[in-house]
């Protein structure tokens, strides 16, 4: 942990692997990474484009400590590990040892680590203002959509999707490369489109139902002329071999898992591939000399011509950078952070197991808005969108441990900002920061009201005891 979790190759000595490092005094955490699924990158080769699958292990010969991501100690030992590998993932434990300061003179050591006692004392300047950065804000713990993190999410979805079967059928290596790259390049938009339609048009906001699918197909304008009708018009569309509503319905059913009538995110990825194949390969008019389009090219055309131009979605990164990631908004959050923690604790934990960190479900979120009165000032659709869009990009949405359907505290903070933006756009009167303060004030009243009622009840009980005495 003292060198930002930099990889160091170990040397094989007999049947073991060893490495010798100078270690500063204090508490030190470390773990082993066999890297069974990826080749270890050499010095200077570690880039965002080379996101690997990291498999961490610990040794029973040393103290083993469960990783605590929260708190000063956890942040000191493991904070950089979270940011470097895009979240805890499968990393749950690390070895720990306490290194004491060496006593006495060791002639063999010419260079010694500086201890805290040796550090020069720098007088503090009065009114010294620390420059605001995202790393020292209330949103520091939020896992951002870096290229590396989005690529890991894509690889997770692609590995579970039927889309990989298309790649297996391809004989040409170039065709395989174009297909996978086209999906990866379109994935940031595809995942945001999925979030929007699932939340806006489906009762169960975390999966995409048939109504949401039909709306998506209409918006991206893939239905050919005459293919959106029924009866004779639909039959004519089939005979004319154009992409029609029947074809879209068949794709939806094919992409759904057996026995289900909604699409998860990785199933939506497969549905996109099928639409691209039907629209730009199966029903594409071809001349005698026209080369058959590859599936990768078809996916790229569908993304650029149809999805990017027609599908509804939110540019989540733009919203955060424009409204939340700045000094003034951060101060508003920071001033009320302890009160907001009370609000979060009051309306969270129902879907968590004993011992798990508290998270807030959509039901608890709606209960909070109802008690605060904010539910009457925003539509249920816009509230659901604010909730869903505040969620980090989860690598594996099928894993219950990922808590892909609940908000952590830092995600809850973002959802407050999104609620403020909704009221600002619909009601006006104040700027965004004014609405942010107003929404926070209404939420804080829910815990203060409870405290007032408890104090009143205690006063009544005390008065009753006095009367009985």
Foldseek 3Di string as FASTA:
>chain_A
DVVLQDDDAFPDDPPDTDDDDDDAAFKAWAWDWPQPPDDDDDPPPDDLVPQGDTDTHEDPVAAKDFQDCDDPVNCVHCVSVCQVNQHCVPPTMTGMDGGHDDDDDDVVDPDDDDDPVRDDDDDDDPPDDDDDDCCPFLLNNFRDPDLNNLVLLLVLLQVVFPQVVLLVPDPDPVLSVLQSVLLSVLSVLLLQLQQQLLLQPHPNNQWHAPRSLVVLCVQLPLADVLQEDDDPSVVVCVVLLGDHPVQSVVLQVVLDDPPDRTGHSSSSSSSLLSSLCSRQARRNDDDPPDDGDRSSVSSNCSSVRGSVPGGDGDPLVVCCVVFPRDDLNRVLCVVCVVLLVVLQVVLWDPPDDPPDATWHAPVSVVVLCVLLVVPVQDDSSQLSSLLLSLFHSFSHPVDVVSVNRTHDSSSVLSSLLSSLVRNCVVPNPDDSSVSSNVSSVSSSVSVVVVVVVVVVVVVVVVVVVVVVD
